[in-house]
């Protein structure tokens, strides 16, 4: 898989995640409450994911933006990992950990292809 495909897949995952937050899907809201995320944060977090996905996609044409967006998405999911660790939610820790590593890899691949 080349770095563009990798970036596109990560962006789609971010957009699906944001949509769940914006639509306040029951499973998403329950998971967020379970780790201590306040309800008013949901739309804000969704817009951060949308911004990250947009930055990653635009970064395919302008690499510095893609690098910045990838780093931001990585930090976003590091924050999610912290929330899961604080809540002792080991089962829920997998998804944000995988997405943090994926964002880091997307960023590194973008840097390498600059």
C-alpha atoms as a PDB file:
ATOM      1  CA  UNK A   1       0.000   0.000   0.000  1.00  0.00           C
ATOM      2  CA  UNK A   2       1.482   3.342  -0.982  1.00  0.00           C
ATOM      3  CA  UNK A   3       1.359   6.366   1.272  1.00  0.00           C
ATOM      4  CA  UNK A   4      -1.552   7.983  -0.619  1.00  0.00           C
ATOM      5  CA  UNK A   5      -3.767   4.922  -0.148  1.00  0.00           C
ATOM      6  CA  UNK A   6      -2.753   4.742   3.491  1.00  0.00           C
ATOM      7  CA  UNK A   7      -3.658   8.404   3.967  1.00  0.00           C
ATOM      8  CA  UNK A   8      -7.013   8.024   2.204  1.00  0.00           C
ATOM      9  CA  UNK A   9      -8.000   5.035   4.357  1.00  0.00           C
ATOM     10  CA  UNK A  10      -7.056   6.885   7.564  1.00  0.00           C
ATOM     11  CA  UNK A  11      -9.056   9.918   6.410  1.00  0.00           C
ATOM     12  CA  UNK A  12     -12.126   7.768   5.756  1.00  0.00           C
ATOM     13  CA  UNK A  13     -11.846   6.219   9.224  1.00  0.00           C
ATOM     14  CA  UNK A  14     -11.659   9.712  10.730  1.00  0.00           C
ATOM     15  CA  UNK A  15     -14.723  10.843   8.801  1.00  0.00           C
ATOM     16  CA  UNK A  16     -16.752   7.795   9.866  1.00  0.00           C
ATOM     17  CA  UNK A  17     -15.722   8.378  13.478  1.00  0.00           C
ATOM     18  CA  UNK A  18     -16.692  12.053  13.243  1.00  0.00           C
ATOM     19  CA  UNK A  19     -20.051  11.153  11.753  1.00  0.00           C
ATOM     20  CA  UNK A  20     -20.780   8.856  14.697  1.00  0.00           C
ATOM     21  CA  UNK A  21     -20.052  11.686  17.096  1.00  0.00           C
ATOM     22  CA  UNK A  22     -22.086  14.268  15.169  1.00  0.00           C
ATOM     23  CA  UNK A  23     -25.052  11.894  14.878  1.00  0.00           C
ATOM     24  CA  UNK A  24     -24.641  10.999  18.539  1.00  0.00           C
ATOM     25  CA  UNK A  25     -24.778   7.289  17.829  1.00  0.00           C
ATOM     26  CA  UNK A  26     -25.688   5.468  20.998  1.00  0.00           C
ATOM     27  CA  UNK A  27     -22.598   3.239  21.005  1.00  0.00           C
ATOM     28  CA  UNK A  28     -20.288   6.201  20.423  1.00  0.00           C
ATOM     29  CA  UNK A  29     -21.887   8.332  23.145  1.00  0.00           C
ATOM     30  CA  UNK A  30     -21.781   5.417  25.609  1.00  0.00           C
ATOM     31  CA  UNK A  31     -18.119   4.732  24.861  1.00  0.00           C
ATOM     32  CA  UNK A  32     -17.183   8.392  25.253  1.00  0.00           C
ATOM     33  CA  UNK A  33     -19.089   8.730  28.519  1.00  0.00           C
ATOM     34  CA  UNK A  34     -17.469   5.509  29.729  1.00  0.00           C
ATOM     35  CA  UNK A  35     -14.020   7.067  29.570  1.00  0.00           C
ATOM     36  CA  UNK A  36     -15.103  10.423  31.002  1.00  0.00           C
ATOM     37  CA  UNK A  37     -15.502  12.570  27.897  1.00  0.00           C
ATOM     38  CA  UNK A  38     -18.119  15.277  28.573  1.00  0.00           C
ATOM     39  CA  UNK A  39     -21.054  15.346  26.137  1.00  0.00           C
ATOM     40  CA  UNK A  40     -20.355  18.914  24.931  1.00  0.00           C
ATOM     41  CA  UNK A  41     -16.969  17.715  23.656  1.00  0.00           C
ATOM     42  CA  UNK A  42     -18.491  15.333  21.079  1.00  0.00           C
ATOM     43  CA  UNK A  43     -19.115  17.850  18.294  1.00  0.00           C
ATOM     44  CA  UNK A  44     -15.778  19.546  18.963  1.00  0.00           C
ATOM     45  CA  UNK A  45     -13.936  16.238  18.741  1.00  0.00           C
ATOM     46  CA  UNK A  46     -15.840  15.399  15.558  1.00  0.00           C
ATOM     47  CA  UNK A  47     -14.736  18.667  13.962  1.00  0.00           C
ATOM     48  CA  UNK A  48     -11.141  17.979  14.988  1.00  0.00           C
ATOM     49  CA  UNK A  49     -11.395  14.619  13.205  1.00  0.00           C
ATOM     50  CA  UNK A  50     -12.912  16.282  10.130  1.00  0.00           C
ATOM     51  CA  UNK A  51     -10.118  18.867  10.130  1.00  0.00           C
ATOM     52  CA  UNK A  52      -7.543  16.090  10.463  1.00  0.00           C
ATOM     53  CA  UNK A  53      -9.055  14.102   7.596  1.00  0.00           C
ATOM     54  CA  UNK A  54      -9.234  17.223   5.426  1.00  0.00           C
ATOM     55  CA  UNK A  55      -5.640  18.132   6.217  1.00  0.00           C
ATOM     56  CA  UNK A  56      -4.451  14.636   5.418  1.00  0.00           C
ATOM     57  CA  UNK A  57      -6.266  14.621   2.080  1.00  0.00           C
ATOM     58  CA  UNK A  58      -5.122  18.126   1.121  1.00  0.00           C
ATOM     59  CA  UNK A  59      -1.656  17.076   2.235  1.00  0.00           C
ATOM     60  CA  UNK A  60      -1.516  14.683  -0.699  1.00  0.00           C
ATOM     61  CA  UNK A  61      -1.099  17.809  -2.859  1.00  0.00           C
ATOM     62  CA  UNK A  62       0.739  20.012  -0.345  1.00  0.00           C
ATOM     63  CA  UNK A  63       2.936  17.780   1.801  1.00  0.00           C
ATOM     64  CA  UNK A  64       3.669  20.218   4.664  1.00  0.00           C
ATOM     65  CA  UNK A  65      -0.064  20.362   5.403  1.00  0.00           C
ATOM     66  CA  UNK A  66      -0.262  16.573   5.349  1.00  0.00           C
ATOM     67  CA  UNK A  67       2.638  16.318   7.771  1.00  0.00           C
ATOM     68  CA  UNK A  68       1.049  18.829  10.152  1.00  0.00           C
ATOM     69  CA  UNK A  69      -2.345  17.121   9.916  1.00  0.00           C
ATOM     70  CA  UNK A  70      -0.810  13.687  10.486  1.00  0.00           C
ATOM     71  CA  UNK A  71       1.018  14.938  13.569  1.00  0.00           C
ATOM     72  CA  UNK A  72      -2.212  16.503  14.846  1.00  0.00           C
ATOM     73  CA  UNK A  73      -4.178  13.291  14.295  1.00  0.00           C
ATOM     74  CA  UNK A  74      -1.441  11.355  16.084  1.00  0.00           C
ATOM     75  CA  UNK A  75      -1.675  13.692  19.086  1.00  0.00           C
ATOM     76  CA  UNK A  76      -5.489  13.508  19.020  1.00  0.00           C
ATOM     77  CA  UNK A  77      -5.381   9.733  19.354  1.00  0.00           C
ATOM     78  CA  UNK A  78      -2.643   9.908  21.993  1.00  0.00           C
ATOM     79  CA  UNK A  79      -5.158  11.956  23.989  1.00  0.00           C
ATOM     80  CA  UNK A  80      -7.771   9.271  23.404  1.00  0.00           C
ATOM     81  CA  UNK A  81      -5.331   6.643  24.668  1.00  0.00           C
ATOM     82  CA  UNK A  82      -4.794   8.692  27.826  1.00  0.00           C
ATOM     83  CA  UNK A  83      -8.562   8.873  28.446  1.00  0.00           C
ATOM     84  CA  UNK A  84      -8.878   5.097  28.050  1.00  0.00           C
ATOM     85  CA  UNK A  85      -5.926   4.464  30.369  1.00  0.00           C
ATOM     86  CA  UNK A  86      -7.328   6.812  33.020  1.00  0.00           C
ATOM     87  CA  UNK A  87     -10.657   4.996  32.840  1.00  0.00           C
ATOM     88  CA  UNK A  88      -8.860   1.622  33.006  1.00  0.00           C
ATOM     89  CA  UNK A  89     -10.648   0.700  29.763  1.00  0.00           C
ATOM     90  CA  UNK A  90      -8.244  -1.851  28.345  1.00  0.00           C
ATOM     91  CA  UNK A  91     -10.779  -3.203  25.842  1.00  0.00           C
ATOM     92  CA  UNK A  92     -11.441   0.259  24.419  1.00  0.00           C
ATOM     93  CA  UNK A  93      -7.733   1.062  24.301  1.00  0.00           C
ATOM     94  CA  UNK A  94      -7.109  -0.952  21.131  1.00  0.00           C
ATOM     95  CA  UNK A  95      -8.836   1.310  18.568  1.00  0.00           C
ATOM     96  CA  UNK A  96      -7.225   4.624  19.577  1.00  0.00           C
ATOM     97  CA  UNK A  97      -3.835   2.924  19.938  1.00  0.00           C
ATOM     98  CA  UNK A  98      -4.049   1.461  16.435  1.00  0.00           C
ATOM     99  CA  UNK A  99      -5.220   4.795  15.031  1.00  0.00           C
ATOM    100  CA  UNK A 100      -2.391   6.664  16.789  1.00  0.00           C
ATOM    101  CA  UNK A 101       0.159   4.290  15.248  1.00  0.00           C
ATOM    102  CA  UNK A 102      -1.588   4.562  11.878  1.00  0.00           C
ATOM    103  CA  UNK A 103      -1.463   8.368  12.024  1.00  0.00           C
ATOM    104  CA  UNK A 104       2.208   8.233  12.967  1.00  0.00           C
ATOM    105  CA  UNK A 105       2.943   5.924  10.045  1.00  0.00           C
ATOM    106  CA  UNK A 106       0.974   8.141   7.644  1.00  0.00           C
ATOM    107  CA  UNK A 107       2.988  11.130   8.840  1.00  0.00           C
ATOM    108  CA  UNK A 108       6.303   9.329   8.509  1.00  0.00           C
ATOM    109  CA  UNK A 109       5.403   8.065   5.034  1.00  0.00           C
ATOM    110  CA  UNK A 110       4.460  11.583   3.998  1.00  0.00           C
ATOM    111  CA  UNK A 111       7.783  12.920   5.313  1.00  0.00           C
ATOM    112  CA  UNK A 112       9.668  10.180   3.473  1.00  0.00           C
ATOM    113  CA  UNK A 113       7.880  10.959   0.200  1.00  0.00           C
ATOM    114  CA  UNK A 114       8.491  14.693   0.436  1.00  0.00           C
END
